Protein backbone atom coordinates (compact mmCIF):
# COMPACT_ATOMS: atom_id res chain seq x y z
CA MET A 1 67.72 304.18 119.40
CA ASN A 2 64.59 302.11 119.59
CA LYS A 3 64.76 299.11 117.21
CA ASP A 4 61.45 300.22 115.65
CA PHE A 5 62.77 303.73 115.05
CA GLU A 6 62.18 305.26 111.62
CA LYS A 7 63.69 308.57 110.55
CA VAL A 8 61.31 311.50 110.43
CA ASP A 9 61.30 314.50 108.09
CA ALA A 10 62.77 317.73 109.47
CA LYS A 11 62.78 321.07 107.68
CA ILE A 12 66.43 321.95 108.11
CA ILE A 13 67.47 322.60 104.49
CA GLY A 14 67.37 326.37 104.08
CA ALA A 15 66.81 327.00 107.80
CA ASP A 16 69.08 329.20 109.91
CA GLY A 17 72.23 327.07 110.08
CA ASN A 18 72.97 327.72 113.74
CA VAL A 19 73.57 324.27 115.20
CA PHE A 20 71.19 324.89 118.10
CA ASN A 21 68.43 326.04 115.75
CA LEU A 22 68.86 322.91 113.62
CA LEU A 23 68.96 320.74 116.73
CA GLY A 24 65.71 322.28 117.95
CA ILE A 25 64.01 321.64 114.61
CA CYS A 26 65.16 318.01 114.67
CA GLN A 27 64.08 317.50 118.27
CA ARG A 28 60.65 318.99 117.59
CA ALA A 29 60.17 316.73 114.57
CA LEU A 30 61.12 313.68 116.62
CA LYS A 31 58.83 314.58 119.52
CA GLU A 32 55.90 315.32 117.20
CA ASN A 33 56.30 311.79 115.84
CA GLY A 34 56.42 310.11 119.25
CA TYR A 35 60.19 309.81 119.61
CA LYS A 36 60.80 311.70 122.85
CA GLN A 37 63.58 309.37 123.99
CA GLU A 38 65.36 309.71 120.64
CA ALA A 39 65.02 313.52 120.84
CA GLU A 40 66.78 313.47 124.22
CA GLU A 41 69.45 311.10 122.90
CA LEU A 42 70.00 313.35 119.88
CA TYR A 43 70.46 316.38 122.14
CA LYS A 44 73.09 314.61 124.23
CA ARG A 45 74.98 313.32 121.23
CA VAL A 46 74.99 316.63 119.35
CA THR A 47 76.01 318.71 122.37
CA ASN A 48 78.89 316.31 123.00
CA SER A 49 80.08 316.32 119.39
CA ASN A 50 83.41 317.85 118.47
CA SER A 51 82.46 319.81 115.38
CA TYR A 52 79.65 321.32 113.37
CA ASP A 53 80.06 318.64 110.70
CA MET A 54 79.87 315.87 113.28
CA ALA A 55 76.73 317.45 114.74
CA LEU A 56 75.09 317.54 111.29
CA ASN A 57 76.00 313.90 110.66
CA ILE A 58 74.46 312.88 113.97
CA MET A 59 71.25 314.76 113.16
CA GLN A 60 71.01 312.93 109.85
CA GLU A 61 71.01 309.62 111.71
CA TYR A 62 67.64 310.67 113.18
CA VAL A 63 65.97 312.78 110.49
CA ASN A 64 65.50 313.07 106.75
CA PRO A 65 66.49 316.65 105.94
CA ILE A 66 63.86 318.40 103.83
CA SER A 67 63.53 321.96 102.59
CA VAL A 68 61.83 324.61 104.66
CA ASN A 69 59.84 325.34 101.49
CA GLU A 70 58.15 321.93 101.38
CA LYS A 71 54.50 322.30 102.31
CA ASP A 72 52.76 320.24 104.96
CA LEU A 73 49.07 319.67 105.32
CA GLY A 74 47.95 321.71 108.29
CA SER A 75 50.48 324.50 107.89
CA ASN A 76 50.67 327.69 105.91
CA GLU A 77 53.38 328.76 103.48
CA ASN A 78 55.61 329.90 106.36
CA GLY A 79 55.47 326.50 108.02
CA TYR A 80 53.33 327.71 110.90
CA GLU A 81 50.60 325.37 112.00
CA PHE A 82 47.03 326.54 112.08
CA ASP A 83 43.71 325.06 113.20
């Protein structure tokens, strides 16, 4: 991880718990915040993990889990962005 890296918020609490869905949400959050290299690193680490719990722990090294119900500016109640 980049020494200037700061965790980003990711709406994974209450999301479909499939590990690949959660991984995608985390990667998207990282990329949207300018952390493309960290998103790639996260993918490699999670896909090489030995368990679901280990995968979740790795994700939490990169993101702050927040609820899918938390509202963002620039998105509607379903979390979809709009212009």
